[in-house]
Amino acid sequence: MKFRIKRTSTWGGEEKPCEKAYGGKHLGGRADDVRVWYIDINTLDELIALRDEVENELIVGTAYEKELNDMPEIEIYDDYRE
């Protein structure tokens, strides 16, 4: 299953959030838009392996940008946010 993936600490997404992330295109096509990264996770074991790889908690939900049409999303929770 394809997920959007991002890190809390790099909200704009300029850095690749993890080793297996791919894509990196800007939403809307402008350089000042948010960069979007994707990852394929097909099993619970793969999700747990990702958590172990990034050594942080994961938040699984849906993307809020309308361009992503409620795509499933993984946020690597490596910093505080409200």
Protein backbone atom coordinates (compact mmCIF):
# COMPACT_ATOMS: atom_id res chain seq x y z
CA MET A 1 0.00 0.00 0.00
CA LYS A 2 1.31 3.45 -0.89
CA PHE A 3 1.59 5.99 1.96
CA ARG A 4 2.70 9.56 2.08
CA ILE A 5 5.58 9.79 4.59
CA LYS A 6 7.00 12.81 6.40
CA ARG A 7 8.91 13.80 9.53
CA THR A 8 7.59 16.15 12.16
CA SER A 9 10.98 17.88 12.36
CA THR A 10 11.09 18.72 8.64
CA TRP A 11 7.47 19.68 8.00
CA GLY A 12 8.16 21.14 4.54
CA GLY A 13 9.70 17.86 3.49
CA GLU A 14 12.85 19.04 1.76
CA GLU A 15 14.85 16.16 3.26
CA LYS A 16 14.11 12.55 2.43
CA PRO A 17 12.30 11.29 5.58
CA CYS A 18 13.76 7.76 5.52
CA GLU A 19 15.90 5.50 3.36
CA LYS A 20 12.99 3.80 1.53
CA ALA A 21 11.12 7.02 0.71
CA TYR A 22 10.71 7.95 -2.95
CA GLY A 23 9.11 10.74 -4.96
CA GLY A 24 9.94 14.11 -3.53
CA LYS A 25 7.73 16.09 -5.90
CA HIS A 26 6.26 19.43 -4.91
CA LEU A 27 2.49 19.69 -4.52
CA GLY A 28 1.17 22.11 -7.09
CA GLY A 29 4.47 22.04 -8.98
CA ARG A 30 5.91 25.21 -7.43
CA ALA A 31 9.28 25.20 -5.66
CA ASP A 32 7.76 26.85 -2.57
CA ASP A 33 5.08 24.16 -2.15
CA VAL A 34 5.38 21.25 0.26
CA ARG A 35 7.55 18.39 -0.99
CA VAL A 36 5.78 15.01 -0.90
CA TRP A 37 7.50 11.68 -0.24
CA TYR A 38 6.00 8.20 -0.49
CA ILE A 39 6.73 4.74 0.90
CA ASP A 40 5.23 1.32 0.20
CA ILE A 41 4.18 -0.63 3.30
CA ASN A 42 2.32 -3.88 2.71
CA THR A 43 2.45 -5.71 6.04
CA LEU A 44 2.47 -4.98 9.74
CA ASP A 45 5.98 -6.43 9.87
CA GLU A 46 7.14 -3.81 7.33
CA LEU A 47 5.55 -1.05 9.43
CA ILE A 48 7.32 -2.29 12.56
CA ALA A 49 10.60 -2.54 10.63
CA LEU A 50 10.17 1.10 9.54
CA ARG A 51 9.62 2.15 13.17
CA ASP A 52 12.78 0.30 14.18
CA GLU A 53 14.75 1.83 11.30
CA VAL A 54 13.81 5.43 12.09
CA GLU A 55 14.00 4.88 15.87
CA ASN A 56 10.94 7.06 16.51
CA GLU A 57 7.23 6.62 17.01
CA LEU A 58 4.97 6.65 13.95
CA ILE A 59 1.61 8.36 13.53
CA VAL A 60 -0.61 6.71 10.93
CA GLY A 61 -3.52 8.74 9.54
CA THR A 62 -4.59 10.43 6.33
CA ALA A 63 -3.02 13.32 4.46
CA TYR A 64 -4.91 16.59 4.83
CA GLU A 65 -3.91 18.23 1.52
CA LYS A 66 -6.78 18.00 -0.95
CA GLU A 67 -4.35 17.15 -3.76
CA LEU A 68 -3.63 13.85 -2.01
CA ASN A 69 -7.32 12.87 -1.77
CA ASP A 70 -7.15 11.49 1.77
CA MET A 71 -4.14 9.28 0.99
CA PRO A 72 -2.92 7.22 3.97
CA GLU A 73 -0.02 8.96 5.69
CA ILE A 74 2.79 8.03 8.06
CA GLU A 75 4.38 10.76 10.14
CA ILE A 76 7.70 10.01 11.81
CA TYR A 77 7.18 11.73 15.16
CA ASP A 78 10.73 12.91 15.85
CA ASP A 79 9.94 16.37 17.27
CA TYR A 80 7.22 18.10 19.28
CA ARG A 81 4.20 19.68 17.59
CA GLU A 82 0.84 20.93 18.80
